[in-house]
């Protein structure tokens, strides 16, 4: 493997995985897509133009691969399985000062997944610590202020519940 991609994997592998888990909610799929993301990055490394951060570029590749996977599942419905909420890894929700019960965490996770897709992605990316507001803004083709405002509004929606 290219040394540069190995370095990227060491530096950004967890962030890409956290991003994928936030959008697909399937740990095995997220792991597979993380590996595929870095394989695709290796193939297109010469096309990277530094218009965005490396992490943003990798997450854009990851998102493309996830959309491709969804399209594949559409044509092969037996492959598509909506994860059971009880099977989800809730460790992506950072613990508060007080330990919350599993039921409370599951309730919060259900509420997060009822948010509009964009807000859900941004909330989970921040909650997992996967990306800064600047990186989230770049990922969506916006700026850091937009990412902050969208994150704030998503949190407000959750608080109302």
C-alpha atoms as a PDB file:
ATOM      1  CA  UNK A   1       0.000   0.000   0.000  1.00  0.00           C
ATOM      2  CA  UNK A   2       1.131   3.537  -0.695  1.00  0.00           C
ATOM      3  CA  UNK A   3       2.884   5.077   2.332  1.00  0.00           C
ATOM      4  CA  UNK A   4       0.798   8.233   2.027  1.00  0.00           C
ATOM      5  CA  UNK A   5      -2.458   6.250   2.185  1.00  0.00           C
ATOM      6  CA  UNK A   6      -1.134   4.275   5.158  1.00  0.00           C
ATOM      7  CA  UNK A   7      -0.445   7.565   6.933  1.00  0.00           C
ATOM      8  CA  UNK A   8      -3.931   8.811   6.044  1.00  0.00           C
ATOM      9  CA  UNK A   9      -5.436   5.593   7.360  1.00  0.00           C
ATOM     10  CA  UNK A  10      -3.593   5.951  10.661  1.00  0.00           C
ATOM     11  CA  UNK A  11      -4.622   9.578  10.979  1.00  0.00           C
ATOM     12  CA  UNK A  12      -8.187   9.507   9.577  1.00  0.00           C
ATOM     13  CA  UNK A  13      -9.349   5.884   9.683  1.00  0.00           C
ATOM     14  CA  UNK A  14     -11.326   6.330  12.903  1.00  0.00           C
ATOM     15  CA  UNK A  15     -12.928   9.546  11.675  1.00  0.00           C
ATOM     16  CA  UNK A  16     -14.029   7.934   8.420  1.00  0.00           C
ATOM     17  CA  UNK A  17     -15.407   4.947  10.335  1.00  0.00           C
ATOM     18  CA  UNK A  18     -17.258   7.222  12.768  1.00  0.00           C
ATOM     19  CA  UNK A  19     -18.710   9.151   9.843  1.00  0.00           C
ATOM     20  CA  UNK A  20     -19.867   5.948   8.153  1.00  0.00           C
ATOM     21  CA  UNK A  21     -21.369   4.527  11.334  1.00  0.00           C
ATOM     22  CA  UNK A  22     -23.284   7.788  11.751  1.00  0.00           C
ATOM     23  CA  UNK A  23     -24.900   7.474   8.325  1.00  0.00           C
ATOM     24  CA  UNK A  24     -25.320   3.722   7.925  1.00  0.00           C
ATOM     25  CA  UNK A  25     -25.744   2.592  11.554  1.00  0.00           C
ATOM     26  CA  UNK A  26     -24.269  -0.815  10.733  1.00  0.00           C
ATOM     27  CA  UNK A  27     -20.830  -1.494  12.256  1.00  0.00           C
ATOM     28  CA  UNK A  28     -19.905  -4.261   9.798  1.00  0.00           C
ATOM     29  CA  UNK A  29     -20.952  -2.219   6.783  1.00  0.00           C
ATOM     30  CA  UNK A  30     -19.149   0.842   8.139  1.00  0.00           C
ATOM     31  CA  UNK A  31     -15.966  -1.210   8.571  1.00  0.00           C
ATOM     32  CA  UNK A  32     -16.198  -2.610   5.038  1.00  0.00           C
ATOM     33  CA  UNK A  33     -16.874   0.810   3.569  1.00  0.00           C
ATOM     34  CA  UNK A  34     -13.992   2.322   5.532  1.00  0.00           C
ATOM     35  CA  UNK A  35     -11.633  -0.189   3.934  1.00  0.00           C
ATOM     36  CA  UNK A  36     -13.155   0.458   0.515  1.00  0.00           C
ATOM     37  CA  UNK A  37     -12.815   4.221   1.063  1.00  0.00           C
ATOM     38  CA  UNK A  38      -9.071   3.955   1.504  1.00  0.00           C
ATOM     39  CA  UNK A  39      -8.778   1.607  -1.467  1.00  0.00           C
ATOM     40  CA  UNK A  40     -10.627   4.155  -3.612  1.00  0.00           C
ATOM     41  CA  UNK A  41      -8.460   6.940  -2.184  1.00  0.00           C
ATOM     42  CA  UNK A  42      -5.349   5.011  -3.199  1.00  0.00           C
ATOM     43  CA  UNK A  43      -6.706   4.649  -6.724  1.00  0.00           C
ATOM     44  CA  UNK A  44      -7.505   8.359  -7.021  1.00  0.00           C
ATOM     45  CA  UNK A  45      -4.729   9.907  -4.942  1.00  0.00           C
ATOM     46  CA  UNK A  46      -3.377  11.714  -8.007  1.00  0.00           C
ATOM     47  CA  UNK A  47      -6.786  13.420  -8.419  1.00  0.00           C
ATOM     48  CA  UNK A  48      -6.790  14.941  -4.922  1.00  0.00           C
ATOM     49  CA  UNK A  49      -6.477  18.689  -5.484  1.00  0.00           C
ATOM     50  CA  UNK A  50      -6.249  20.039  -1.895  1.00  0.00           C
ATOM     51  CA  UNK A  51      -9.431  22.117  -2.309  1.00  0.00           C
ATOM     52  CA  UNK A  52     -10.625  20.555   0.947  1.00  0.00           C
ATOM     53  CA  UNK A  53      -8.967  18.755   3.836  1.00  0.00           C
ATOM     54  CA  UNK A  54      -7.870  15.144   3.425  1.00  0.00           C
ATOM     55  CA  UNK A  55     -10.465  14.085   5.997  1.00  0.00           C
ATOM     56  CA  UNK A  56     -13.241  15.809   4.070  1.00  0.00           C
ATOM     57  CA  UNK A  57     -12.058  14.220   0.819  1.00  0.00           C
ATOM     58  CA  UNK A  58     -12.056  10.774   2.438  1.00  0.00           C
ATOM     59  CA  UNK A  59     -15.534  11.319   3.907  1.00  0.00           C
ATOM     60  CA  UNK A  60     -16.807  12.402   0.496  1.00  0.00           C
ATOM     61  CA  UNK A  61     -15.497   9.130  -0.934  1.00  0.00           C
ATOM     62  CA  UNK A  62     -17.103   7.258   1.971  1.00  0.00           C
ATOM     63  CA  UNK A  63     -20.458   8.960   1.390  1.00  0.00           C
ATOM     64  CA  UNK A  64     -20.327   8.116  -2.320  1.00  0.00           C
ATOM     65  CA  UNK A  65     -19.612   4.470  -1.461  1.00  0.00           C
ATOM     66  CA  UNK A  66     -22.510   4.398   1.020  1.00  0.00           C
ATOM     67  CA  UNK A  67     -24.891   5.807  -1.610  1.00  0.00           C
ATOM     68  CA  UNK A  68     -23.607   3.206  -4.055  1.00  0.00           C
ATOM     69  CA  UNK A  69     -24.268   0.510  -1.431  1.00  0.00           C
ATOM     70  CA  UNK A  70     -27.823   1.797  -0.915  1.00  0.00           C
ATOM     71  CA  UNK A  71     -28.422   1.653  -4.645  1.00  0.00           C
ATOM     72  CA  UNK A  72     -27.118  -1.919  -4.734  1.00  0.00           C
ATOM     73  CA  UNK A  73     -29.434  -2.857  -1.873  1.00  0.00           C
ATOM     74  CA  UNK A  74     -32.383  -1.384  -3.710  1.00  0.00           C
ATOM     75  CA  UNK A  75     -31.817  -3.885  -6.493  1.00  0.00           C
ATOM     76  CA  UNK A  76     -31.071  -6.713  -4.050  1.00  0.00           C
ATOM     77  CA  UNK A  77     -33.649  -6.288  -1.264  1.00  0.00           C
ATOM     78  CA  UNK A  78     -32.514  -9.431   0.540  1.00  0.00           C
ATOM     79  CA  UNK A  79     -29.221  -7.662   1.260  1.00  0.00           C
ATOM     80  CA  UNK A  80     -30.881  -4.614   2.757  1.00  0.00           C
ATOM     81  CA  UNK A  81     -31.584  -4.989   6.439  1.00  0.00           C
ATOM     82  CA  UNK A  82     -32.660  -2.095   8.582  1.00  0.00           C
ATOM     83  CA  UNK A  83     -30.729  -2.565  11.815  1.00  0.00           C
ATOM     84  CA  UNK A  84     -32.742  -3.357  14.891  1.00  0.00           C
ATOM     85  CA  UNK A  85     -32.449  -0.463  17.338  1.00  0.00           C
ATOM     86  CA  UNK A  86     -31.531  -2.939  20.079  1.00  0.00           C
ATOM     87  CA  UNK A  87     -28.529  -4.196  18.040  1.00  0.00           C
ATOM     88  CA  UNK A  88     -26.970  -0.760  17.574  1.00  0.00           C
ATOM     89  CA  UNK A  89     -23.721   0.141  19.262  1.00  0.00           C
ATOM     90  CA  UNK A  90     -24.760   3.004  21.514  1.00  0.00           C
ATOM     91  CA  UNK A  91     -21.201   3.661  22.609  1.00  0.00           C
ATOM     92  CA  UNK A  92     -21.096   6.375  19.923  1.00  0.00           C
ATOM     93  CA  UNK A  93     -23.098   8.553  22.309  1.00  0.00           C
ATOM     94  CA  UNK A  94     -20.581  10.094  24.697  1.00  0.00           C
ATOM     95  CA  UNK A  95     -21.338   9.479  28.363  1.00  0.00           C
ATOM     96  CA  UNK A  96     -22.602  12.414  30.410  1.00  0.00           C
ATOM     97  CA  UNK A  97     -21.380  13.256  33.874  1.00  0.00           C
ATOM     98  CA  UNK A  98     -24.200  11.096  35.174  1.00  0.00           C
ATOM     99  CA  UNK A  99     -24.456   7.572  33.867  1.00  0.00           C
ATOM    100  CA  UNK A 100     -27.614   7.199  31.843  1.00  0.00           C
ATOM    101  CA  UNK A 101     -29.536   3.984  31.661  1.00  0.00           C
ATOM    102  CA  UNK A 102     -29.495   1.953  28.487  1.00  0.00           C
ATOM    103  CA  UNK A 103     -33.181   2.718  28.003  1.00  0.00           C
ATOM    104  CA  UNK A 104     -32.505   6.443  28.065  1.00  0.00           C
ATOM    105  CA  UNK A 105     -29.662   6.077  25.573  1.00  0.00           C
ATOM    106  CA  UNK A 106     -31.849   3.983  23.306  1.00  0.00           C
ATOM    107  CA  UNK A 107     -34.594   6.618  23.505  1.00  0.00           C
ATOM    108  CA  UNK A 108     -32.119   9.363  22.586  1.00  0.00           C
ATOM    109  CA  UNK A 109     -30.757   7.275  19.715  1.00  0.00           C
ATOM    110  CA  UNK A 110     -34.283   6.719  18.398  1.00  0.00           C
ATOM    111  CA  UNK A 111     -34.935  10.466  18.557  1.00  0.00           C
ATOM    112  CA  UNK A 112     -31.682  11.205  16.712  1.00  0.00           C
ATOM    113  CA  UNK A 113     -32.604   8.819  13.920  1.00  0.00           C
ATOM    114  CA  UNK A 114     -35.979  10.517  13.493  1.00  0.00           C
ATOM    115  CA  UNK A 115     -34.269  13.807  12.639  1.00  0.00           C
ATOM    116  CA  UNK A 116     -33.892  14.817   8.983  1.00  0.00           C
ATOM    117  CA  UNK A 117     -30.906  13.057   7.402  1.00  0.00           C
ATOM    118  CA  UNK A 118     -28.627  16.096   7.219  1.00  0.00           C
ATOM    119  CA  UNK A 119     -29.236  17.109  10.845  1.00  0.00           C
ATOM    120  CA  UNK A 120     -28.773  13.523  12.007  1.00  0.00           C
ATOM    121  CA  UNK A 121     -25.429  13.258  10.191  1.00  0.00           C
ATOM    122  CA  UNK A 122     -24.142  16.526  11.624  1.00  0.00           C
ATOM    123  CA  UNK A 123     -25.274  15.699  15.150  1.00  0.00           C
ATOM    124  CA  UNK A 124     -23.649  12.262  15.089  1.00  0.00           C
ATOM    125  CA  UNK A 125     -20.446  13.558  13.526  1.00  0.00           C
ATOM    126  CA  UNK A 126     -20.085  16.077  16.331  1.00  0.00           C
ATOM    127  CA  UNK A 127     -21.253  13.694  19.076  1.00  0.00           C
ATOM    128  CA  UNK A 128     -18.647  11.118  18.080  1.00  0.00           C
ATOM    129  CA  UNK A 129     -15.966  13.783  17.830  1.00  0.00           C
ATOM    130  CA  UNK A 130     -15.316  12.595  14.308  1.00  0.00           C
ATOM    131  CA  UNK A 131     -15.170  16.027  12.702  1.00  0.00           C
ATOM    132  CA  UNK A 132     -14.800  19.686  13.456  1.00  0.00           C
ATOM    133  CA  UNK A 133     -17.416  22.192  12.331  1.00  0.00           C
ATOM    134  CA  UNK A 134     -15.018  23.292   9.603  1.00  0.00           C
ATOM    135  CA  UNK A 135     -14.721  19.717   8.279  1.00  0.00           C
ATOM    136  CA  UNK A 136     -18.480  19.159   8.484  1.00  0.00           C
ATOM    137  CA  UNK A 137     -19.075  22.372   6.566  1.00  0.00           C
ATOM    138  CA  UNK A 138     -16.617  21.292   3.877  1.00  0.00           C
ATOM    139  CA  UNK A 139     -18.244  17.886   3.639  1.00  0.00           C
ATOM    140  CA  UNK A 140     -21.605  19.496   2.868  1.00  0.00           C
ATOM    141  CA  UNK A 141     -20.156  22.229   0.677  1.00  0.00           C
ATOM    142  CA  UNK A 142     -20.948  24.896   3.273  1.00  0.00           C
ATOM    143  CA  UNK A 143     -18.961  26.814   5.885  1.00  0.00           C
ATOM    144  CA  UNK A 144     -18.271  26.177   9.572  1.00  0.00           C
ATOM    145  CA  UNK A 145     -20.940  28.663  10.677  1.00  0.00           C
ATOM    146  CA  UNK A 146     -23.590  26.764   8.758  1.00  0.00           C
ATOM    147  CA  UNK A 147     -22.458  23.523  10.415  1.00  0.00           C
ATOM    148  CA  UNK A 148     -22.604  25.125  13.889  1.00  0.00           C
ATOM    149  CA  UNK A 149     -26.081  26.532  13.336  1.00  0.00           C
ATOM    150  CA  UNK A 150     -27.405  23.266  11.922  1.00  0.00           C
ATOM    151  CA  UNK A 151     -25.880  21.346  14.840  1.00  0.00           C
ATOM    152  CA  UNK A 152     -27.402  23.773  17.345  1.00  0.00           C
ATOM    153  CA  UNK A 153     -30.852  23.498  15.742  1.00  0.00           C
ATOM    154  CA  UNK A 154     -30.672  19.691  15.724  1.00  0.00           C
ATOM    155  CA  UNK A 155     -29.782  19.717  19.440  1.00  0.00           C
ATOM    156  CA  UNK A 156     -32.708  22.045  20.111  1.00  0.00           C
ATOM    157  CA  UNK A 157     -35.085  19.643  18.356  1.00  0.00           C
ATOM    158  CA  UNK A 158     -33.813  16.807  20.554  1.00  0.00           C
ATOM    159  CA  UNK A 159     -34.203  18.873  23.713  1.00  0.00           C
ATOM    160  CA  UNK A 160     -37.862  19.543  22.866  1.00  0.00           C
ATOM    161  CA  UNK A 161     -38.453  15.806  22.956  1.00  0.00           C
END
